Amino acid sequence: MKEKNYLTCFSILAIISSAFYAFWAFSVAYQASFIKGFDKLFINLIANQNKTELFILKHLTVLANTPVVIGYTVVLVIFLLLKRKYALAGFSTFVMALANGNNWLLKHIVQRPRPAVSHLVKAQLVIHFQVVIQPEVCQFA
């Protein structure tokens, strides 16, 4: 019985989220006036010279770059495959591919210019890591 309730709640949440997403996407695509106000509000909130905020935003920006997110996904999928959670690994791959494809498609359909504000934080990809796998340490139950 609980499983059916979870499914119902998830379905309702998915429908509401999808409706909001569609509303927002059409509002951006058709340049609704409230979108410009929304942009200005958030630009004013983040466009400052606070060194702590700039430090945090710079690092968050790097963590949200597409290659880094793809890296997270690959690590997650490998972990799930090692745990023999094949369905979850496939689902994770599907969701990330769908989300990135949707993002790319919308960017090319809408072609909305970025707001005219000086970029205090520039997205850069700098990753340095070394992976050392020791079979005797990597034992999964």
Foldseek 3Di string as FASTA:
>chain_A
DVVVVVVVVVVVVVVVVVVVVVVVLVCLLVVPVVVVVVLVVVCVVQPDDPPVSLVVVQVVLQCPDPVNVVVVLVVVLVVCVVVVVNVVSVVSVVVSVVVVVVVVVSCVNRVDDDDPDDDSHDHDHDDDDDDDDDVVVPDDD
